[in-house]
Amino acid sequence: MEPRILFIADGYTDALDLLHILDENDIFYHCENIDPSSMEKLLKVNRINLILLDESCFSLLGFLNSLTEATGVIIVLHHHNEETIKTSWNYNISGFVVKPNYYGLLPAIEKALSN
C-alpha cells in the first residue's frame, strides 16, 4: 500500500528534515494547518492511510482515534518520553519516531501500513 500521510504539528519549521525524508522517498504527505472540524473531510479527500502526529499536538490523539480506527498513527517525539509513550498505548498507535534524526521512520511507516 502506498503511504498517504497526514503530518500534524504546531509548526513545521523544526520538522523540515522529516518532510525532506518523505520527499526523498516519494511519499505523499499533507501538512497544512488543520482545524479539527475539517479533519474528517481531509482524511477522506486525500485518502490518508497514516498520520504522523507531532508530540506538540498529542492532545488531538483521542479525537483522531474517534475519527478513524483504520488509520494508524505514528507519534513524533521530541525526546524519549515514557509518560507520552505509556499514555498513547491506550489509543490506536502504530509506532514512534524521535526527532531530530527520525531513525526508523521508513520501517515504522511500512510496518504501520502492513497492519
PDB file of N, CA and C in Angstrom:
ATOM      1  N   MET A   1       0.844  -1.169   0.000  1.00  0.00           N
ATOM      2  CA  MET A   1       0.000   0.000   0.000  1.00  0.00           C
ATOM      3  C   MET A   1       0.895   1.239   0.000  1.00  0.00           C
ATOM      4  N   GLU A   2       0.585   2.184  -0.858  1.00  0.00           N
ATOM      5  CA  GLU A   2       1.365   3.409  -0.954  1.00  0.00           C
ATOM      6  C   GLU A   2       1.012   4.351   0.200  1.00  0.00           C
ATOM      7  N   PRO A   3       2.034   4.865   0.897  1.00  0.00           N
ATOM      8  CA  PRO A   3       1.747   5.766   2.013  1.00  0.00           C
ATOM      9  C   PRO A   3       1.125   7.084   1.563  1.00  0.00           C
ATOM     10  N   ARG A   4       0.077   7.490   2.237  1.00  0.00           N
ATOM     11  CA  ARG A   4      -0.550   8.801   2.053  1.00  0.00           C
ATOM     12  C   ARG A   4      -0.685   9.359   3.458  1.00  0.00           C
ATOM     13  N   ILE A   5       0.229  10.252   3.801  1.00  0.00           N
ATOM     14  CA  ILE A   5       0.445  10.654   5.186  1.00  0.00           C
ATOM     15  C   ILE A   5      -0.078  12.051   5.470  1.00  0.00           C
ATOM     16  N   LEU A   6      -0.728  12.169   6.600  1.00  0.00           N
ATOM     17  CA  LEU A   6      -1.108  13.468   7.139  1.00  0.00           C
ATOM     18  C   LEU A   6      -0.149  13.749   8.287  1.00  0.00           C
ATOM     19  N   PHE A   7       0.585  14.862   8.194  1.00  0.00           N
ATOM     20  CA  PHE A   7       1.515  15.249   9.248  1.00  0.00           C
ATOM     21  C   PHE A   7       0.896  16.397  10.022  1.00  0.00           C
ATOM     22  N   ILE A   8       0.725  16.199  11.320  1.00  0.00           N
ATOM     23  CA  ILE A   8       0.094  17.208  12.179  1.00  0.00           C
ATOM     24  C   ILE A   8       1.118  17.683  13.207  1.00  0.00           C
ATOM     25  N   ALA A   9       1.377  18.999  13.188  1.00  0.00           N
ATOM     26  CA  ALA A   9       2.318  19.605  14.130  1.00  0.00           C
ATOM     27  C   ALA A   9       1.944  21.059  14.334  1.00  0.00           C
ATOM     28  N   ASP A  10       2.372  21.613  15.452  1.00  0.00           N
ATOM     29  CA  ASP A  10       2.146  23.038  15.708  1.00  0.00           C
ATOM     30  C   ASP A  10       2.917  23.893  14.720  1.00  0.00           C
ATOM     31  N   GLY A  11       4.130  23.514  14.427  1.00  0.00           N
ATOM     32  CA  GLY A  11       4.960  24.251  13.480  1.00  0.00           C
ATOM     33  C   GLY A  11       5.782  23.292  12.661  1.00  0.00           C
ATOM     34  N   TYR A  12       6.030  23.624  11.427  1.00  0.00           N
ATOM     35  CA  TYR A  12       6.736  22.705  10.533  1.00  0.00           C
ATOM     36  C   TYR A  12       8.200  23.061  10.348  1.00  0.00           C
ATOM     37  N   THR A  13       8.615  24.232  10.818  1.00  0.00           N
ATOM     38  CA  THR A  13       9.994  24.648  10.569  1.00  0.00           C
ATOM     39  C   THR A  13      11.007  23.716  11.211  1.00  0.00           C
ATOM     40  N   ASP A  14      10.687  23.163  12.367  1.00  0.00           N
ATOM     41  CA  ASP A  14      11.624  22.238  13.010  1.00  0.00           C
ATOM     42  C   ASP A  14      11.466  20.807  12.508  1.00  0.00           C
ATOM     43  N   ALA A  15      10.552  20.592  11.560  1.00  0.00           N
ATOM     44  CA  ALA A  15      10.325  19.252  11.020  1.00  0.00           C
ATOM     45  C   ALA A  15      10.706  19.171   9.545  1.00  0.00           C
ATOM     46  N   LEU A  16      11.497  20.118   9.070  1.00  0.00           N
ATOM     47  CA  LEU A  16      11.874  20.115   7.658  1.00  0.00           C
ATOM     48  C   LEU A  16      12.662  18.862   7.283  1.00  0.00           C
ATOM     49  N   ASP A  17      13.476  18.340   8.213  1.00  0.00           N
ATOM     50  CA  ASP A  17      14.207  17.095   7.941  1.00  0.00           C
ATOM     51  C   ASP A  17      13.243  15.935   7.713  1.00  0.00           C
ATOM     52  N   LEU A  18      12.186  15.879   8.493  1.00  0.00           N
ATOM     53  CA  LEU A  18      11.172  14.836   8.336  1.00  0.00           C
ATOM     54  C   LEU A  18      10.513  14.940   6.962  1.00  0.00           C
ATOM     55  N   LEU A  19      10.111  16.137   6.590  1.00  0.00           N
ATOM     56  CA  LEU A  19       9.464  16.341   5.291  1.00  0.00           C
ATOM     57  C   LEU A  19      10.429  16.043   4.152  1.00  0.00           C
ATOM     58  N   HIS A  20      11.698  16.331   4.359  1.00  0.00           N
ATOM     59  CA  HIS A  20      12.716  16.023   3.342  1.00  0.00           C
ATOM     60  C   HIS A  20      12.830  14.509   3.135  1.00  0.00           C
ATOM     61  N   ILE A  21      12.794  13.748   4.222  1.00  0.00           N
ATOM     62  CA  ILE A  21      12.845  12.279   4.128  1.00  0.00           C
ATOM     63  C   ILE A  21      11.653  11.774   3.315  1.00  0.00           C
ATOM     64  N   LEU A  22      10.470  12.309   3.594  1.00  0.00           N
ATOM     65  CA  LEU A  22       9.273  11.892   2.854  1.00  0.00           C
ATOM     66  C   LEU A  22       9.399  12.256   1.375  1.00  0.00           C
ATOM     67  N   ASP A  23       9.889  13.459   1.083  1.00  0.00           N
ATOM     68  CA  ASP A  23      10.100  13.878  -0.306  1.00  0.00           C
ATOM     69  C   ASP A  23      11.083  12.968  -1.024  1.00  0.00           C
ATOM     70  N   GLU A  24      12.207  12.680  -0.380  1.00  0.00           N
ATOM     71  CA  GLU A  24      13.241  11.833  -0.988  1.00  0.00           C
ATOM     72  C   GLU A  24      12.721  10.456  -1.352  1.00  0.00           C
ATOM     73  N   ASN A  25      11.728   9.991  -0.612  1.00  0.00           N
ATOM     74  CA  ASN A  25      11.181   8.653  -0.837  1.00  0.00           C
ATOM     75  C   ASN A  25       9.846   8.687  -1.590  1.00  0.00           C
ATOM     76  N   ASP A  26       9.548   9.821  -2.201  1.00  0.00           N
ATOM     77  CA  ASP A  26       8.324   9.993  -2.997  1.00  0.00           C
ATOM     78  C   ASP A  26       7.070   9.576  -2.239  1.00  0.00           C
ATOM     79  N   ILE A  27       6.989   9.972  -0.979  1.00  0.00           N
ATOM     80  CA  ILE A  27       5.834   9.658  -0.150  1.00  0.00           C
ATOM     81  C   ILE A  27       4.928  10.879  -0.103  1.00  0.00           C
ATOM     82  N   PHE A  28       3.677  10.703  -0.482  1.00  0.00           N
ATOM     83  CA  PHE A  28       2.715  11.797  -0.427  1.00  0.00           C
ATOM     84  C   PHE A  28       2.480  12.169   1.027  1.00  0.00           C
ATOM     85  N   TYR A  29       2.457  13.472   1.291  1.00  0.00           N
ATOM     86  CA  TYR A  29       2.103  13.937   2.631  1.00  0.00           C
ATOM     87  C   TYR A  29       1.349  15.253   2.516  1.00  0.00           C
ATOM     88  N   HIS A  30       0.574  15.535   3.518  1.00  0.00           N
ATOM     89  CA  HIS A  30      -0.189  16.775   3.611  1.00  0.00           C
ATOM     90  C   HIS A  30       0.132  17.370   4.973  1.00  0.00           C
ATOM     91  N   CYS A  31       0.537  18.642   4.989  1.00  0.00           N
ATOM     92  CA  CYS A  31       0.924  19.209   6.283  1.00  0.00           C
ATOM     93  C   CYS A  31       0.542  20.676   6.425  1.00  0.00           C
ATOM     94  N   GLU A  32      -0.581  21.058   5.883  1.00  0.00           N
ATOM     95  CA  GLU A  32      -1.056  22.422   6.082  1.00  0.00           C
ATOM     96  C   GLU A  32      -1.689  22.540   7.463  1.00  0.00           C
ATOM     97  N   ASN A  33      -1.935  23.777   7.879  1.00  0.00           N
ATOM     98  CA  ASN A  33      -2.643  23.975   9.142  1.00  0.00           C
ATOM     99  C   ASN A  33      -4.024  23.343   9.038  1.00  0.00           C
ATOM    100  N   ILE A  34      -4.390  22.609  10.058  1.00  0.00           N
ATOM    101  CA  ILE A  34      -5.621  21.825  10.027  1.00  0.00           C
ATOM    102  C   ILE A  34      -6.433  22.129  11.279  1.00  0.00           C
ATOM    103  N   ASP A  35      -7.720  22.381  11.093  1.00  0.00           N
ATOM    104  CA  ASP A  35      -8.568  22.534  12.269  1.00  0.00           C
ATOM    105  C   ASP A  35      -9.404  21.265  12.411  1.00  0.00           C
ATOM    106  N   PRO A  36      -9.731  20.902  13.634  1.00  0.00           N
ATOM    107  CA  PRO A  36     -10.438  19.640  13.867  1.00  0.00           C
ATOM    108  C   PRO A  36     -11.745  19.496  13.087  1.00  0.00           C
ATOM    109  N   SER A  37     -12.439  20.588  12.809  1.00  0.00           N
ATOM    110  CA  SER A  37     -13.718  20.481  12.105  1.00  0.00           C
ATOM    111  C   SER A  37     -13.549  20.017  10.664  1.00  0.00           C
ATOM    112  N   SER A  38     -12.384  20.243  10.065  1.00  0.00           N
ATOM    113  CA  SER A  38     -12.178  19.827   8.676  1.00  0.00           C
ATOM    114  C   SER A  38     -11.362  18.537   8.568  1.00  0.00           C
ATOM    115  N   MET A  39     -10.986  17.967   9.697  1.00  0.00           N
ATOM    116  CA  MET A  39     -10.108  16.800   9.704  1.00  0.00           C
ATOM    117  C   MET A  39     -10.706  15.586   8.998  1.00  0.00           C
ATOM    118  N   GLU A  40     -11.948  15.262   9.270  1.00  0.00           N
ATOM    119  CA  GLU A  40     -12.561  14.079   8.667  1.00  0.00           C
ATOM    120  C   GLU A  40     -12.611  14.190   7.152  1.00  0.00           C
ATOM    121  N   LYS A  41     -12.999  15.347   6.650  1.00  0.00           N
ATOM    122  CA  LYS A  41     -13.049  15.557   5.208  1.00  0.00           C
ATOM    123  C   LYS A  41     -11.651  15.447   4.602  1.00  0.00           C
ATOM    124  N   LEU A  42     -10.674  16.037   5.248  1.00  0.00           N
ATOM    125  CA  LEU A  42      -9.298  15.992   4.768  1.00  0.00           C
ATOM    126  C   LEU A  42      -8.790  14.552   4.667  1.00  0.00           C
ATOM    127  N   LEU A  43      -9.099  13.728   5.669  1.00  0.00           N
ATOM    128  CA  LEU A  43      -8.680  12.327   5.657  1.00  0.00           C
ATOM    129  C   LEU A  43      -9.273  11.581   4.464  1.00  0.00           C
ATOM    130  N   LYS A  44     -10.541  11.852   4.164  1.00  0.00           N
ATOM    131  CA  LYS A  44     -11.212  11.152   3.065  1.00  0.00           C
ATOM    132  C   LYS A  44     -10.778  11.671   1.704  1.00  0.00           C
ATOM    133  N   VAL A  45     -10.758  12.982   1.532  1.00  0.00           N
ATOM    134  CA  VAL A  45     -10.428  13.580   0.230  1.00  0.00           C
ATOM    135  C   VAL A  45      -9.018  13.197  -0.208  1.00  0.00           C
ATOM    136  N   ASN A  46      -8.070  13.204   0.716  1.00  0.00           N
ATOM    137  CA  ASN A  46      -6.686  12.880   0.380  1.00  0.00           C
ATOM    138  C   ASN A  46      -6.354  11.404   0.545  1.00  0.00           C
ATOM    139  N   ARG A  47      -7.372  10.603   0.893  1.00  0.00           N
ATOM    140  CA  ARG A  47      -7.194   9.154   1.080  1.00  0.00           C
ATOM    141  C   ARG A  47      -6.015   8.847   2.001  1.00  0.00           C
ATOM    142  N   ILE A  48      -5.974   9.546   3.117  1.00  0.00           N
ATOM    143  CA  ILE A  48      -4.891   9.396   4.095  1.00  0.00           C
ATOM    144  C   ILE A  48      -4.969   8.009   4.727  1.00  0.00           C
ATOM    145  N   ASN A  49      -3.832   7.311   4.751  1.00  0.00           N
ATOM    146  CA  ASN A  49      -3.818   5.993   5.380  1.00  0.00           C
ATOM    147  C   ASN A  49      -2.844   5.907   6.555  1.00  0.00           C
ATOM    148  N   LEU A  50      -2.217   7.047   6.893  1.00  0.00           N
ATOM    149  CA  LEU A  50      -1.318   7.078   8.042  1.00  0.00           C
ATOM    150  C   LEU A  50      -1.175   8.521   8.522  1.00  0.00           C
ATOM    151  N   ILE A  51      -1.113   8.704   9.824  1.00  0.00           N
ATOM    152  CA  ILE A  51      -0.953  10.030  10.410  1.00  0.00           C
ATOM    153  C   ILE A  51       0.344  10.073  11.203  1.00  0.00           C
ATOM    154  N   LEU A  52       1.165  11.086  10.921  1.00  0.00           N
ATOM    155  CA  LEU A  52       2.326  11.385  11.750  1.00  0.00           C
ATOM    156  C   LEU A  52       1.896  12.515  12.667  1.00  0.00           C
ATOM    157  N   LEU A  53       1.855  12.260  13.942  1.00  0.00           N
ATOM    158  CA  LEU A  53       1.371  13.233  14.912  1.00  0.00           C
ATOM    159  C   LEU A  53       2.532  13.711  15.777  1.00  0.00           C
ATOM    160  N   ASP A  54       2.880  14.988  15.624  1.00  0.00           N
ATOM    161  CA  ASP A  54       3.945  15.558  16.432  1.00  0.00           C
ATOM    162  C   ASP A  54       3.500  15.613  17.894  1.00  0.00           C
ATOM    163  N   GLU A  55       4.434  15.388  18.775  1.00  0.00           N
ATOM    164  CA  GLU A  55       4.134  15.390  20.214  1.00  0.00           C
ATOM    165  C   GLU A  55       3.505  16.707  20.665  1.00  0.00           C
ATOM    166  N   SER A  56       3.772  17.795  19.945  1.00  0.00           N
ATOM    167  CA  SER A  56       3.185  19.097  20.298  1.00  0.00           C
ATOM    168  C   SER A  56       1.670  19.101  20.138  1.00  0.00           C
ATOM    169  N   CYS A  57       1.136  18.136  19.393  1.00  0.00           N
ATOM    170  CA  CYS A  57      -0.312  18.034  19.166  1.00  0.00           C
ATOM    171  C   CYS A  57      -0.890  16.764  19.771  1.00  0.00           C
ATOM    172  N   PHE A  58      -0.214  16.227  20.763  1.00  0.00           N
ATOM    173  CA  PHE A  58      -0.618  14.958  21.383  1.00  0.00           C
ATOM    174  C   PHE A  58      -2.059  14.985  21.879  1.00  0.00           C
ATOM    175  N   SER A  59      -2.542  16.156  22.261  1.00  0.00           N
ATOM    176  CA  SER A  59      -3.920  16.261  22.780  1.00  0.00           C
ATOM    177  C   SER A  59      -4.963  15.906  21.728  1.00  0.00           C
ATOM    178  N   LEU A  60      -4.594  15.875  20.452  1.00  0.00           N
ATOM    179  CA  LEU A  60      -5.526  15.505  19.374  1.00  0.00           C
ATOM    180  C   LEU A  60      -5.662  13.995  19.199  1.00  0.00           C
ATOM    181  N   LEU A  61      -4.861  13.220  19.889  1.00  0.00           N
ATOM    182  CA  LEU A  61      -4.835  11.770  19.664  1.00  0.00           C
ATOM    183  C   LEU A  61      -6.197  11.118  19.867  1.00  0.00           C
ATOM    184  N   GLY A  62      -6.880  11.432  20.933  1.00  0.00           N
ATOM    185  CA  GLY A  62      -8.208  10.859  21.172  1.00  0.00           C
ATOM    186  C   GLY A  62      -9.184  11.249  20.081  1.00  0.00           C
ATOM    187  N   PHE A  63      -9.152  12.500  19.672  1.00  0.00           N
ATOM    188  CA  PHE A  63     -10.022  12.975  18.597  1.00  0.00           C
ATOM    189  C   PHE A  63      -9.729  12.233  17.298  1.00  0.00           C
ATOM    190  N   LEU A  64      -8.447  12.075  16.950  1.00  0.00           N
ATOM    191  CA  LEU A  64      -8.078  11.368  15.720  1.00  0.00           C
ATOM    192  C   LEU A  64      -8.549   9.922  15.755  1.00  0.00           C
ATOM    193  N   ASN A  65      -8.392   9.261  16.889  1.00  0.00           N
ATOM    194  CA  ASN A  65      -8.844   7.875  17.003  1.00  0.00           C
ATOM    195  C   ASN A  65     -10.351   7.755  16.895  1.00  0.00           C
ATOM    196  N   SER A  66     -11.076   8.792  17.305  1.00  0.00           N
ATOM    197  CA  SER A  66     -12.532   8.747  17.177  1.00  0.00           C
ATOM    198  C   SER A  66     -12.979   8.945  15.733  1.00  0.00           C
ATOM    199  N   LEU A  67     -12.157   9.600  14.921  1.00  0.00           N
ATOM    200  CA  LEU A  67     -12.498   9.802  13.508  1.00  0.00           C
ATOM    201  C   LEU A  67     -12.330   8.530  12.693  1.00  0.00           C
ATOM    202  N   THR A  68     -11.248   7.837  12.932  1.00  0.00           N
ATOM    203  CA  THR A  68     -10.965   6.652  12.137  1.00  0.00           C
ATOM    204  C   THR A  68     -10.126   5.660  12.923  1.00  0.00           C
ATOM    205  N   GLU A  69     -10.612   4.478  13.033  1.00  0.00           N
ATOM    206  CA  GLU A  69      -9.851   3.438  13.722  1.00  0.00           C
ATOM    207  C   GLU A  69      -8.903   2.728  12.767  1.00  0.00           C
ATOM    208  N   ALA A  70      -9.170   2.810  11.469  1.00  0.00           N
ATOM    209  CA  ALA A  70      -8.369   2.090  10.489  1.00  0.00           C
ATOM    210  C   ALA A  70      -7.069   2.807  10.131  1.00  0.00           C
ATOM    211  N   THR A  71      -6.991   4.097  10.413  1.00  0.00           N
ATOM    212  CA  THR A  71      -5.793   4.871  10.079  1.00  0.00           C
ATOM    213  C   THR A  71      -4.824   4.834  11.246  1.00  0.00           C
ATOM    214  N   GLY A  72      -3.631   4.307  10.993  1.00  0.00           N
ATOM    215  CA  GLY A  72      -2.634   4.234  12.036  1.00  0.00           C
ATOM    216  C   GLY A  72      -2.032   5.599  12.340  1.00  0.00           C
ATOM    217  N   VAL A  73      -1.466   5.716  13.525  1.00  0.00           N
ATOM    218  CA  VAL A  73      -0.829   6.960  13.960  1.00  0.00           C
ATOM    219  C   VAL A  73       0.581   6.636  14.442  1.00  0.00           C
ATOM    220  N   ILE A  74       1.548   7.376  13.906  1.00  0.00           N
ATOM    221  CA  ILE A  74       2.922   7.312  14.402  1.00  0.00           C
ATOM    222  C   ILE A  74       3.178   8.633  15.114  1.00  0.00           C
ATOM    223  N   ILE A  75       3.616   8.555  16.354  1.00  0.00           N
ATOM    224  CA  ILE A  75       3.874   9.766  17.127  1.00  0.00           C
ATOM    225  C   ILE A  75       5.335  10.166  16.964  1.00  0.00           C
ATOM    226  N   VAL A  76       5.542  11.434  16.644  1.00  0.00           N
ATOM    227  CA  VAL A  76       6.879  12.001  16.504  1.00  0.00           C
ATOM    228  C   VAL A  76       7.226  12.661  17.834  1.00  0.00           C
ATOM    229  N   LEU A  77       8.127  12.032  18.570  1.00  0.00           N
ATOM    230  CA  LEU A  77       8.514  12.512  19.896  1.00  0.00           C
ATOM    231  C   LEU A  77       9.665  13.515  19.795  1.00  0.00           C
ATOM    232  N   HIS A  78       9.666  14.495  20.685  1.00  0.00           N
ATOM    233  CA  HIS A  78      10.755  15.468  20.741  1.00  0.00           C
ATOM    234  C   HIS A  78      11.954  14.861  21.454  1.00  0.00           C
ATOM    235  N   HIS A  79      11.701  13.931  22.344  1.00  0.00           N
ATOM    236  CA  HIS A  79      12.720  13.150  23.058  1.00  0.00           C
ATOM    237  C   HIS A  79      11.996  11.918  23.599  1.00  0.00           C
ATOM    238  N   HIS A  80      12.739  10.935  24.000  1.00  0.00           N
ATOM    239  CA  HIS A  80      12.115   9.706  24.519  1.00  0.00           C
ATOM    240  C   HIS A  80      11.361  10.057  25.799  1.00  0.00           C
ATOM    241  N   ASN A  81      10.041  10.007  25.736  1.00  0.00           N
ATOM    242  CA  ASN A  81       9.195  10.425  26.841  1.00  0.00           C
ATOM    243  C   ASN A  81       8.321   9.247  27.265  1.00  0.00           C
ATOM    244  N   GLU A  82       8.713   8.599  28.351  1.00  0.00           N
ATOM    245  CA  GLU A  82       7.999   7.398  28.818  1.00  0.00           C
ATOM    246  C   GLU A  82       6.525   7.663  29.110  1.00  0.00           C
ATOM    247  N   GLU A  83       6.203   8.825  29.663  1.00  0.00           N
ATOM    248  CA  GLU A  83       4.812   9.134  30.014  1.00  0.00           C
ATOM    249  C   GLU A  83       3.946   9.235  28.759  1.00  0.00           C
ATOM    250  N   THR A  84       4.450   9.907  27.729  1.00  0.00           N
ATOM    251  CA  THR A  84       3.709  10.024  26.469  1.00  0.00           C
ATOM    252  C   THR A  84       3.534   8.650  25.841  1.00  0.00           C
ATOM    253  N   ILE A  85       4.585   7.867  25.845  1.00  0.00           N
ATOM    254  CA  ILE A  85       4.511   6.523  25.263  1.00  0.00           C
ATOM    255  C   ILE A  85       3.494   5.674  26.020  1.00  0.00           C
ATOM    256  N   LYS A  86       3.555   5.708  27.327  1.00  0.00           N
ATOM    257  CA  LYS A  86       2.643   4.913  28.161  1.00  0.00           C
ATOM    258  C   LYS A  86       1.188   5.326  27.930  1.00  0.00           C
ATOM    259  N   THR A  87       0.918   6.620  27.899  1.00  0.00           N
ATOM    260  CA  THR A  87      -0.440   7.125  27.674  1.00  0.00           C
ATOM    261  C   THR A  87      -0.946   6.762  26.293  1.00  0.00           C
ATOM    262  N   SER A  88      -0.090   6.837  25.305  1.00  0.00           N
ATOM    263  CA  SER A  88      -0.531   6.625  23.920  1.00  0.00           C
ATOM    264  C   SER A  88      -0.935   5.187  23.615  1.00  0.00           C
ATOM    265  N   TRP A  89      -0.479   4.225  24.395  1.00  0.00           N
ATOM    266  CA  TRP A  89      -0.855   2.836  24.131  1.00  0.00           C
ATOM    267  C   TRP A  89      -2.338   2.576  24.392  1.00  0.00           C
ATOM    268  N   ASN A  90      -3.037   3.551  24.966  1.00  0.00           N
ATOM    269  CA  ASN A  90      -4.484   3.433  25.133  1.00  0.00           C
ATOM    270  C   ASN A  90      -5.223   3.752  23.840  1.00  0.00           C
ATOM    271  N   TYR A  91      -4.489   4.132  22.815  1.00  0.00           N
ATOM    272  CA  TYR A  91      -5.069   4.533  21.531  1.00  0.00           C
ATOM    273  C   TYR A  91      -4.522   3.653  20.417  1.00  0.00           C
ATOM    274  N   ASN A  92      -4.987   3.929  19.189  1.00  0.00           N
ATOM    275  CA  ASN A  92      -4.532   3.197  18.011  1.00  0.00           C
ATOM    276  C   ASN A  92      -3.192   3.771  17.544  1.00  0.00           C
ATOM    277  N   ILE A  93      -2.107   3.309  18.137  1.00  0.00           N
ATOM    278  CA  ILE A  93      -0.777   3.796  17.813  1.00  0.00           C
ATOM    279  C   ILE A  93      -0.021   2.725  17.046  1.00  0.00           C
ATOM    280  N   SER A  94       0.611   3.152  15.949  1.00  0.00           N
ATOM    281  CA  SER A  94       1.387   2.225  15.129  1.00  0.00           C
ATOM    282  C   SER A  94       2.866   2.253  15.461  1.00  0.00           C
ATOM    283  N   GLY A  95       3.325   3.311  16.129  1.00  0.00           N
ATOM    284  CA  GLY A  95       4.735   3.386  16.468  1.00  0.00           C
ATOM    285  C   GLY A  95       5.157   4.781  16.869  1.00  0.00           C
ATOM    286  N   PHE A  96       6.473   4.910  17.061  1.00  0.00           N
ATOM    287  CA  PHE A  96       7.066   6.165  17.498  1.00  0.00           C
ATOM    288  C   PHE A  96       8.354   6.398  16.734  1.00  0.00           C
ATOM    289  N   VAL A  97       8.669   7.655  16.464  1.00  0.00           N
ATOM    290  CA  VAL A  97       9.988   8.063  15.985  1.00  0.00           C
ATOM    291  C   VAL A  97      10.388   9.284  16.798  1.00  0.00           C
ATOM    292  N   VAL A  98      11.696   9.490  16.933  1.00  0.00           N
ATOM    293  CA  VAL A  98      12.195  10.582  17.766  1.00  0.00           C
ATOM    294  C   VAL A  98      12.926  11.600  16.901  1.00  0.00           C
ATOM    295  N   LYS A  99      12.619  12.887  17.145  1.00  0.00           N
ATOM    296  CA  LYS A  99      13.348  13.972  16.486  1.00  0.00           C
ATOM    297  C   LYS A  99      14.766  13.983  17.021  1.00  0.00           C
ATOM    298  N   PRO A 100      15.704  14.546  16.402  1.00  0.00           N
ATOM    299  CA  PRO A 100      15.672  15.201  15.103  1.00  0.00           C
ATOM    300  C   PRO A 100      16.087  14.292  13.960  1.00  0.00           C
ATOM    301  N   ASN A 101      16.586  13.071  14.259  1.00  0.00           N
ATOM    302  CA  ASN A 101      17.086  12.237  13.163  1.00  0.00           C
ATOM    303  C   ASN A 101      16.059  11.256  12.617  1.00  0.00           C
ATOM    304  N   TYR A 102      14.917  11.075  13.281  1.00  0.00           N
ATOM    305  CA  TYR A 102      13.813  10.241  12.798  1.00  0.00           C
ATOM    306  C   TYR A 102      14.263   8.826  12.440  1.00  0.00           C
ATOM    307  N   TYR A 103      15.195   8.294  13.210  1.00  0.00           N
ATOM    308  CA  TYR A 103      15.690   6.946  12.970  1.00  0.00           C
ATOM    309  C   TYR A 103      14.526   5.961  12.977  1.00  0.00           C
ATOM    310  N   GLY A 104      14.468   5.125  11.958  1.00  0.00           N
ATOM    311  CA  GLY A 104      13.436   4.101  11.875  1.00  0.00           C
ATOM    312  C   GLY A 104      12.122   4.579  11.287  1.00  0.00           C
ATOM    313  N   LEU A 105      12.079   5.790  10.717  1.00  0.00           N
ATOM    314  CA  LEU A 105      10.826   6.320  10.178  1.00  0.00           C
ATOM    315  C   LEU A 105      10.267   5.448   9.061  1.00  0.00           C
ATOM    316  N   LEU A 106      11.088   5.141   8.070  1.00  0.00           N
ATOM    317  CA  LEU A 106      10.577   4.369   6.930  1.00  0.00           C
ATOM    318  C   LEU A 106      10.129   2.965   7.331  1.00  0.00           C
ATOM    319  N   PRO A 107      10.894   2.230   8.160  1.00  0.00           N
ATOM    320  CA  PRO A 107      10.387   0.933   8.619  1.00  0.00           C
ATOM    321  C   PRO A 107       9.097   1.062   9.435  1.00  0.00           C
ATOM    322  N   ALA A 108       8.981   2.134  10.235  1.00  0.00           N
ATOM    323  CA  ALA A 108       7.762   2.338  11.025  1.00  0.00           C
ATOM    324  C   ALA A 108       6.556   2.583  10.103  1.00  0.00           C
ATOM    325  N   ILE A 109       6.778   3.324   9.015  1.00  0.00           N
ATOM    326  CA  ILE A 109       5.708   3.568   8.040  1.00  0.00           C
ATOM    327  C   ILE A 109       5.297   2.258   7.378  1.00  0.00           C
ATOM    328  N   GLU A 110       6.277   1.491   6.930  1.00  0.00           N
ATOM    329  CA  GLU A 110       5.984   0.204   6.285  1.00  0.00           C
ATOM    330  C   GLU A 110       5.238  -0.737   7.226  1.00  0.00           C
ATOM    331  N   LYS A 111       5.670  -0.803   8.475  1.00  0.00           N
ATOM    332  CA  LYS A 111       5.008  -1.672   9.447  1.00  0.00           C
ATOM    333  C   LYS A 111       3.568  -1.226   9.699  1.00  0.00           C
ATOM    334  N   ALA A 112       3.365   0.069   9.845  1.00  0.00           N
ATOM    335  CA  ALA A 112       2.023   0.601  10.103  1.00  0.00           C
ATOM    336  C   ALA A 112       1.076   0.310   8.949  1.00  0.00           C
ATOM    337  N   LEU A 113       1.566   0.393   7.743  1.00  0.00           N
ATOM    338  CA  LEU A 113       0.703   0.163   6.586  1.00  0.00           C
ATOM    339  C   LEU A 113       0.448  -1.316   6.315  1.00  0.00           C
ATOM    340  N   SER A 114       1.294  -2.169   6.849  1.00  0.00           N
ATOM    341  CA  SER A 114       1.090  -3.609   6.630  1.00  0.00           C
ATOM    342  C   SER A 114       0.112  -4.215   7.637  1.00  0.00           C
ATOM    343  N   ASN A 115      -0.209  -3.481   8.686  1.00  0.00           N
ATOM    344  CA  ASN A 115      -1.153  -3.979   9.710  1.00  0.00           C
ATOM    345  C   ASN A 115      -2.573  -3.849   9.262  1.00  0.00           C
TER     346      ASN A 115
END
